[in-house]
Amino acid sequence: MVPFAMTVDVHSHCWRFPDDFSADFIRQAQRARGGQPVDLRVRFEDYAASAPADTRTIVFGGKARLSGVWVDDRLVAD
């Protein structure tokens, strides 16, 4: 009997960049990277293509209004 193996990614984020980030957040992220542009875009298609076929993923948005990040729950649910 071969045991069933599955990958569980327990912490992945979902957001729209730059829509879900304040201008101040983006400026601070650029400053933290030595002034280099920051691109936080992640396409689901790219994630799915790089994950094993049996991967299950727990997806989080972001709720940190004072930090300049706010992801609508509907986006995550969809």
PDB file of N, CA and C in Angstrom:
ATOM      1  N   MET A   1       0.839  -1.178   0.000  1.00  0.00           N
ATOM      2  CA  MET A   1       0.000   0.000   0.000  1.00  0.00           C
ATOM      3  C   MET A   1       0.886   1.246   0.000  1.00  0.00           C
ATOM      4  N   VAL A   2       0.632   2.139  -0.925  1.00  0.00           N
ATOM      5  CA  VAL A   2       1.397   3.384  -1.034  1.00  0.00           C
ATOM      6  C   VAL A   2       0.628   4.483  -0.303  1.00  0.00           C
ATOM      7  N   PRO A   3       1.274   5.169   0.653  1.00  0.00           N
ATOM      8  CA  PRO A   3       0.567   6.243   1.362  1.00  0.00           C
ATOM      9  C   PRO A   3       0.287   7.411   0.425  1.00  0.00           C
ATOM     10  N   PHE A   4      -0.814   8.059   0.668  1.00  0.00           N
ATOM     11  CA  PHE A   4      -1.195   9.231  -0.118  1.00  0.00           C
ATOM     12  C   PHE A   4      -0.352  10.418   0.340  1.00  0.00           C
ATOM     13  N   ALA A   5       0.244  11.099  -0.588  1.00  0.00           N
ATOM     14  CA  ALA A   5       1.054  12.279  -0.268  1.00  0.00           C
ATOM     15  C   ALA A   5       0.421  13.508  -0.896  1.00  0.00           C
ATOM     16  N   MET A   6       0.340  14.561  -0.135  1.00  0.00           N
ATOM     17  CA  MET A   6      -0.224  15.806  -0.629  1.00  0.00           C
ATOM     18  C   MET A   6       0.591  16.958  -0.052  1.00  0.00           C
ATOM     19  N   THR A   7       0.807  17.989  -0.837  1.00  0.00           N
ATOM     20  CA  THR A   7       1.471  19.193  -0.375  1.00  0.00           C
ATOM     21  C   THR A   7       0.401  20.158   0.120  1.00  0.00           C
ATOM     22  N   VAL A   8       0.613  20.722   1.317  1.00  0.00           N
ATOM     23  CA  VAL A   8      -0.302  21.724   1.849  1.00  0.00           C
ATOM     24  C   VAL A   8       0.489  23.010   2.056  1.00  0.00           C
ATOM     25  N   ASP A   9       0.186  24.008   1.276  1.00  0.00           N
ATOM     26  CA  ASP A   9       0.790  25.335   1.410  1.00  0.00           C
ATOM     27  C   ASP A   9      -0.098  26.082   2.404  1.00  0.00           C
ATOM     28  N   VAL A  10       0.395  26.283   3.616  1.00  0.00           N
ATOM     29  CA  VAL A  10      -0.459  26.805   4.676  1.00  0.00           C
ATOM     30  C   VAL A  10      -0.468  28.327   4.791  1.00  0.00           C
ATOM     31  N   HIS A  11       0.246  29.021   3.909  1.00  0.00           N
ATOM     32  CA  HIS A  11       0.245  30.484   4.029  1.00  0.00           C
ATOM     33  C   HIS A  11       0.603  31.131   2.690  1.00  0.00           C
ATOM     34  N   SER A  12      -0.409  31.371   1.884  1.00  0.00           N
ATOM     35  CA  SER A  12      -0.226  32.093   0.619  1.00  0.00           C
ATOM     36  C   SER A  12      -1.103  33.329   0.647  1.00  0.00           C
ATOM     37  N   HIS A  13      -0.633  34.374  -0.003  1.00  0.00           N
ATOM     38  CA  HIS A  13      -1.396  35.623  -0.033  1.00  0.00           C
ATOM     39  C   HIS A  13      -2.034  35.856  -1.392  1.00  0.00           C
ATOM     40  N   CYS A  14      -3.130  36.564  -1.348  1.00  0.00           N
ATOM     41  CA  CYS A  14      -3.857  36.957  -2.553  1.00  0.00           C
ATOM     42  C   CYS A  14      -4.068  38.465  -2.469  1.00  0.00           C
ATOM     43  N   TRP A  15      -3.692  39.176  -3.509  1.00  0.00           N
ATOM     44  CA  TRP A  15      -3.936  40.618  -3.567  1.00  0.00           C
ATOM     45  C   TRP A  15      -3.825  41.105  -4.989  1.00  0.00           C
ATOM     46  N   ARG A  16      -4.253  42.326  -5.197  1.00  0.00           N
ATOM     47  CA  ARG A  16      -4.072  43.001  -6.486  1.00  0.00           C
ATOM     48  C   ARG A  16      -3.041  44.103  -6.268  1.00  0.00           C
ATOM     49  N   PHE A  17      -1.962  44.046  -7.010  1.00  0.00           N
ATOM     50  CA  PHE A  17      -0.919  45.064  -6.880  1.00  0.00           C
ATOM     51  C   PHE A  17      -0.983  45.983  -8.095  1.00  0.00           C
ATOM     52  N   PRO A  18      -1.050  47.267  -7.886  1.00  0.00           N
ATOM     53  CA  PRO A  18      -0.879  48.013  -6.641  1.00  0.00           C
ATOM     54  C   PRO A  18      -2.196  48.365  -5.934  1.00  0.00           C
ATOM     55  N   ASP A  19      -3.333  47.926  -6.445  1.00  0.00           N
ATOM     56  CA  ASP A  19      -4.642  48.370  -5.946  1.00  0.00           C
ATOM     57  C   ASP A  19      -4.855  48.190  -4.448  1.00  0.00           C
ATOM     58  N   ASP A  20      -4.369  47.106  -3.872  1.00  0.00           N
ATOM     59  CA  ASP A  20      -4.623  46.808  -2.464  1.00  0.00           C
ATOM     60  C   ASP A  20      -3.570  47.391  -1.524  1.00  0.00           C
ATOM     61  N   PHE A  21      -2.668  48.218  -2.062  1.00  0.00           N
ATOM     62  CA  PHE A  21      -1.592  48.812  -1.271  1.00  0.00           C
ATOM     63  C   PHE A  21      -1.646  50.331  -1.384  1.00  0.00           C
ATOM     64  N   SER A  22      -1.427  51.004  -0.271  1.00  0.00           N
ATOM     65  CA  SER A  22      -1.403  52.466  -0.315  1.00  0.00           C
ATOM     66  C   SER A  22      -0.112  52.947  -0.978  1.00  0.00           C
ATOM     67  N   ALA A  23      -0.144  54.187  -1.449  1.00  0.00           N
ATOM     68  CA  ALA A  23       1.051  54.782  -2.046  1.00  0.00           C
ATOM     69  C   ALA A  23       2.181  54.844  -1.021  1.00  0.00           C
ATOM     70  N   ASP A  24       1.856  55.103   0.242  1.00  0.00           N
ATOM     71  CA  ASP A  24       2.862  55.163   1.293  1.00  0.00           C
ATOM     72  C   ASP A  24       3.521  53.789   1.502  1.00  0.00           C
ATOM     73  N   PHE A  25       2.729  52.719   1.490  1.00  0.00           N
ATOM     74  CA  PHE A  25       3.284  51.370   1.626  1.00  0.00           C
ATOM     75  C   PHE A  25       4.284  51.097   0.506  1.00  0.00           C
ATOM     76  N   ILE A  26       3.896  51.439  -0.717  1.00  0.00           N
ATOM     77  CA  ILE A  26       4.765  51.192  -1.869  1.00  0.00           C
ATOM     78  C   ILE A  26       6.051  52.009  -1.751  1.00  0.00           C
ATOM     79  N   ARG A  27       5.949  53.267  -1.333  1.00  0.00           N
ATOM     80  CA  ARG A  27       7.147  54.099  -1.144  1.00  0.00           C
ATOM     81  C   ARG A  27       8.079  53.493  -0.092  1.00  0.00           C
ATOM     82  N   GLN A  28       7.510  53.031   1.024  1.00  0.00           N
ATOM     83  CA  GLN A  28       8.334  52.433   2.080  1.00  0.00           C
ATOM     84  C   GLN A  28       8.986  51.131   1.608  1.00  0.00           C
ATOM     85  N   ALA A  29       8.262  50.340   0.842  1.00  0.00           N
ATOM     86  CA  ALA A  29       8.822  49.093   0.311  1.00  0.00           C
ATOM     87  C   ALA A  29       9.981  49.400  -0.636  1.00  0.00           C
ATOM     88  N   GLN A  30       9.825  50.429  -1.450  1.00  0.00           N
ATOM     89  CA  GLN A  30      10.916  50.825  -2.351  1.00  0.00           C
ATOM     90  C   GLN A  30      12.122  51.309  -1.558  1.00  0.00           C
ATOM     91  N   ARG A  31      11.863  52.074  -0.514  1.00  0.00           N
ATOM     92  CA  ARG A  31      12.968  52.560   0.320  1.00  0.00           C
ATOM     93  C   ARG A  31      13.701  51.383   0.976  1.00  0.00           C
ATOM     94  N   ALA A  32      12.949  50.374   1.430  1.00  0.00           N
ATOM     95  CA  ALA A  32      13.560  49.198   2.050  1.00  0.00           C
ATOM     96  C   ALA A  32      14.413  48.409   1.059  1.00  0.00           C
ATOM     97  N   ARG A  33      14.119  48.551  -0.224  1.00  0.00           N
ATOM     98  CA  ARG A  33      14.895  47.866  -1.266  1.00  0.00           C
ATOM     99  C   ARG A  33      15.950  48.792  -1.871  1.00  0.00           C
ATOM    100  N   GLY A  34      16.329  49.815  -1.147  1.00  0.00           N
ATOM    101  CA  GLY A  34      17.374  50.717  -1.615  1.00  0.00           C
ATOM    102  C   GLY A  34      16.917  51.595  -2.761  1.00  0.00           C
ATOM    103  N   GLY A  35      15.613  51.889  -2.806  1.00  0.00           N
ATOM    104  CA  GLY A  35      15.073  52.748  -3.850  1.00  0.00           C
ATOM    105  C   GLY A  35      14.670  52.021  -5.118  1.00  0.00           C
ATOM    106  N   GLN A  36      14.850  50.710  -5.140  1.00  0.00           N
ATOM    107  CA  GLN A  36      14.491  49.918  -6.323  1.00  0.00           C
ATOM    108  C   GLN A  36      12.967  49.774  -6.426  1.00  0.00           C
ATOM    109  N   PRO A  37      12.440  49.741  -7.631  1.00  0.00           N
ATOM    110  CA  PRO A  37      10.997  49.530  -7.794  1.00  0.00           C
ATOM    111  C   PRO A  37      10.565  48.204  -7.168  1.00  0.00           C
ATOM    112  N   VAL A  38       9.359  48.184  -6.655  1.00  0.00           N
ATOM    113  CA  VAL A  38       8.796  46.990  -6.034  1.00  0.00           C
ATOM    114  C   VAL A  38       7.626  46.513  -6.873  1.00  0.00           C
ATOM    115  N   ASP A  39       7.639  45.265  -7.222  1.00  0.00           N
ATOM    116  CA  ASP A  39       6.533  44.674  -7.983  1.00  0.00           C
ATOM    117  C   ASP A  39       6.056  43.445  -7.216  1.00  0.00           C
ATOM    118  N   LEU A  40       4.924  43.558  -6.573  1.00  0.00           N
ATOM    119  CA  LEU A  40       4.385  42.466  -5.768  1.00  0.00           C
ATOM    120  C   LEU A  40       3.304  41.685  -6.508  1.00  0.00           C
ATOM    121  N   ARG A  41       3.290  41.814  -7.832  1.00  0.00           N
ATOM    122  CA  ARG A  41       2.294  41.058  -8.604  1.00  0.00           C
ATOM    123  C   ARG A  41       2.626  39.578  -8.577  1.00  0.00           C
ATOM    124  N   VAL A  42       1.604  38.786  -8.317  1.00  0.00           N
ATOM    125  CA  VAL A  42       1.714  37.335  -8.369  1.00  0.00           C
ATOM    126  C   VAL A  42       0.488  36.831  -9.115  1.00  0.00           C
ATOM    127  N   ARG A  43       0.719  36.123 -10.178  1.00  0.00           N
ATOM    128  CA  ARG A  43      -0.398  35.586 -10.953  1.00  0.00           C
ATOM    129  C   ARG A  43      -0.699  34.167 -10.484  1.00  0.00           C
ATOM    130  N   PHE A  44      -1.982  33.867 -10.287  1.00  0.00           N
ATOM    131  CA  PHE A  44      -2.377  32.533  -9.860  1.00  0.00           C
ATOM    132  C   PHE A  44      -1.867  31.484 -10.842  1.00  0.00           C
ATOM    133  N   GLU A  45      -1.909  31.788 -12.125  1.00  0.00           N
ATOM    134  CA  GLU A  45      -1.466  30.841 -13.143  1.00  0.00           C
ATOM    135  C   GLU A  45       0.002  30.452 -12.940  1.00  0.00           C
ATOM    136  N   ASP A  46       0.835  31.429 -12.565  1.00  0.00           N
ATOM    137  CA  ASP A  46       2.249  31.143 -12.302  1.00  0.00           C
ATOM    138  C   ASP A  46       2.414  30.286 -11.049  1.00  0.00           C
ATOM    139  N   TYR A  47       1.650  30.616 -10.009  1.00  0.00           N
ATOM    140  CA  TYR A  47       1.698  29.820  -8.774  1.00  0.00           C
ATOM    141  C   TYR A  47       1.279  28.386  -9.060  1.00  0.00           C
ATOM    142  N   ALA A  48       0.151  28.215  -9.740  1.00  0.00           N
ATOM    143  CA  ALA A  48      -0.372  26.875 -10.027  1.00  0.00           C
ATOM    144  C   ALA A  48       0.602  26.072 -10.882  1.00  0.00           C
ATOM    145  N   ALA A  49       1.268  26.724 -11.812  1.00  0.00           N
ATOM    146  CA  ALA A  49       2.207  26.022 -12.692  1.00  0.00           C
ATOM    147  C   ALA A  49       3.444  25.540 -11.932  1.00  0.00           C
ATOM    148  N   SER A  50       3.803  26.232 -10.850  1.00  0.00           N
ATOM    149  CA  SER A  50       5.016  25.865 -10.119  1.00  0.00           C
ATOM    150  C   SER A  50       4.746  24.923  -8.941  1.00  0.00           C
ATOM    151  N   ALA A  51       3.487  24.739  -8.582  1.00  0.00           N
ATOM    152  CA  ALA A  51       3.138  23.887  -7.438  1.00  0.00           C
ATOM    153  C   ALA A  51       2.873  22.454  -7.906  1.00  0.00           C
ATOM    154  N   PRO A  52       3.192  21.476  -7.065  1.00  0.00           N
ATOM    155  CA  PRO A  52       2.845  20.091  -7.420  1.00  0.00           C
ATOM    156  C   PRO A  52       1.340  19.966  -7.652  1.00  0.00           C
ATOM    157  N   ALA A  53       0.951  19.032  -8.488  1.00  0.00           N
ATOM    158  CA  ALA A  53      -0.454  18.883  -8.874  1.00  0.00           C
ATOM    159  C   ALA A  53      -1.378  18.625  -7.687  1.00  0.00           C
ATOM    160  N   ASP A  54      -0.880  17.995  -6.646  1.00  0.00           N
ATOM    161  CA  ASP A  54      -1.727  17.653  -5.503  1.00  0.00           C
ATOM    162  C   ASP A  54      -1.706  18.707  -4.393  1.00  0.00           C
ATOM    163  N   THR A  55      -1.267  19.917  -4.692  1.00  0.00           N
ATOM    164  CA  THR A  55      -1.156  20.967  -3.681  1.00  0.00           C
ATOM    165  C   THR A  55      -2.521  21.516  -3.282  1.00  0.00           C
ATOM    166  N   ARG A  56      -2.702  21.678  -1.992  1.00  0.00           N
ATOM    167  CA  ARG A  56      -3.852  22.374  -1.438  1.00  0.00           C
ATOM    168  C   ARG A  56      -3.297  23.623  -0.777  1.00  0.00           C
ATOM    169  N   THR A  57      -3.987  24.753  -0.934  1.00  0.00           N
ATOM    170  CA  THR A  57      -3.443  26.031  -0.488  1.00  0.00           C
ATOM    171  C   THR A  57      -4.430  26.757   0.411  1.00  0.00           C
ATOM    172  N   ILE A  58      -3.934  27.257   1.537  1.00  0.00           N
ATOM    173  CA  ILE A  58      -4.715  28.122   2.411  1.00  0.00           C
ATOM    174  C   ILE A  58      -4.328  29.553   2.040  1.00  0.00           C
ATOM    175  N   VAL A  59      -5.324  30.332   1.626  1.00  0.00           N
ATOM    176  CA  VAL A  59      -5.066  31.662   1.075  1.00  0.00           C
ATOM    177  C   VAL A  59      -5.524  32.749   2.048  1.00  0.00           C
ATOM    178  N   PHE A  60      -4.670  33.732   2.224  1.00  0.00           N
ATOM    179  CA  PHE A  60      -4.958  34.880   3.073  1.00  0.00           C
ATOM    180  C   PHE A  60      -4.960  36.141   2.214  1.00  0.00           C
ATOM    181  N   GLY A  61      -5.751  37.104   2.608  1.00  0.00           N
ATOM    182  CA  GLY A  61      -5.660  38.444   2.041  1.00  0.00           C
ATOM    183  C   GLY A  61      -4.721  39.216   2.948  1.00  0.00           C
ATOM    184  N   GLY A  62      -5.042  40.439   3.193  1.00  0.00           N
ATOM    185  CA  GLY A  62      -4.260  41.240   4.126  1.00  0.00           C
ATOM    186  C   GLY A  62      -5.154  42.301   4.716  1.00  0.00           C
ATOM    187  N   LYS A  63      -5.122  42.423   6.022  1.00  0.00           N
ATOM    188  CA  LYS A  63      -5.905  43.439   6.720  1.00  0.00           C
ATOM    189  C   LYS A  63      -4.958  44.188   7.647  1.00  0.00           C
ATOM    190  N   ALA A  64      -4.315  45.186   7.120  1.00  0.00           N
ATOM    191  CA  ALA A  64      -3.380  45.997   7.899  1.00  0.00           C
ATOM    192  C   ALA A  64      -3.528  47.442   7.447  1.00  0.00           C
ATOM    193  N   ARG A  65      -4.698  48.008   7.719  1.00  0.00           N
ATOM    194  CA  ARG A  65      -5.023  49.348   7.215  1.00  0.00           C
ATOM    195  C   ARG A  65      -3.972  50.388   7.606  1.00  0.00           C
ATOM    196  N   LEU A  66      -3.481  50.344   8.844  1.00  0.00           N
ATOM    197  CA  LEU A  66      -2.493  51.334   9.275  1.00  0.00           C
ATOM    198  C   LEU A  66      -1.165  51.175   8.539  1.00  0.00           C
ATOM    199  N   SER A  67      -0.895  49.991   8.035  1.00  0.00           N
ATOM    200  CA  SER A  67       0.320  49.759   7.249  1.00  0.00           C
ATOM    201  C   SER A  67       0.116  50.052   5.779  1.00  0.00           C
ATOM    202  N   GLY A  68      -1.139  50.234   5.378  1.00  0.00           N
ATOM    203  CA  GLY A  68      -1.419  50.558   3.980  1.00  0.00           C
ATOM    204  C   GLY A  68      -1.765  49.363   3.122  1.00  0.00           C
ATOM    205  N   VAL A  69      -2.232  48.273   3.757  1.00  0.00           N
ATOM    206  CA  VAL A  69      -2.617  47.073   3.009  1.00  0.00           C
ATOM    207  C   VAL A  69      -4.047  46.718   3.392  1.00  0.00           C
ATOM    208  N   TRP A  70      -4.897  46.534   2.388  1.00  0.00           N
ATOM    209  CA  TRP A  70      -6.276  46.116   2.664  1.00  0.00           C
ATOM    210  C   TRP A  70      -6.792  45.316   1.473  1.00  0.00           C
ATOM    211  N   VAL A  71      -7.000  44.035   1.675  1.00  0.00           N
ATOM    212  CA  VAL A  71      -7.480  43.142   0.619  1.00  0.00           C
ATOM    213  C   VAL A  71      -8.915  42.758   0.937  1.00  0.00           C
ATOM    214  N   ASP A  72      -9.791  42.971  -0.013  1.00  0.00           N
ATOM    215  CA  ASP A  72     -11.198  42.649   0.169  1.00  0.00           C
ATOM    216  C   ASP A  72     -11.394  41.140   0.309  1.00  0.00           C
ATOM    217  N   ASP A  73     -12.219  40.730   1.267  1.00  0.00           N
ATOM    218  CA  ASP A  73     -12.469  39.303   1.508  1.00  0.00           C
ATOM    219  C   ASP A  73     -13.052  38.609   0.289  1.00  0.00           C
ATOM    220  N   ARG A  74     -13.839  39.301  -0.515  1.00  0.00           N
ATOM    221  CA  ARG A  74     -14.458  38.703  -1.693  1.00  0.00           C
ATOM    222  C   ARG A  74     -13.384  38.264  -2.687  1.00  0.00           C
ATOM    223  N   LEU A  75     -12.325  39.053  -2.848  1.00  0.00           N
ATOM    224  CA  LEU A  75     -11.232  38.674  -3.754  1.00  0.00           C
ATOM    225  C   LEU A  75     -10.617  37.348  -3.309  1.00  0.00           C
ATOM    226  N   VAL A  76     -10.376  37.217  -2.019  1.00  0.00           N
ATOM    227  CA  VAL A  76      -9.778  35.989  -1.506  1.00  0.00           C
ATOM    228  C   VAL A  76     -10.735  34.813  -1.708  1.00  0.00           C
ATOM    229  N   ALA A  77     -12.003  35.019  -1.407  1.00  0.00           N
ATOM    230  CA  ALA A  77     -12.999  33.940  -1.556  1.00  0.00           C
ATOM    231  C   ALA A  77     -13.132  33.502  -3.006  1.00  0.00           C
ATOM    232  N   ASP A  78     -13.097  34.452  -3.920  1.00  0.00           N
ATOM    233  CA  ASP A  78     -13.225  34.128  -5.345  1.00  0.00           C
ATOM    234  C   ASP A  78     -12.023  33.333  -5.832  1.00  0.00           C
TER     235      ASP A  78
END
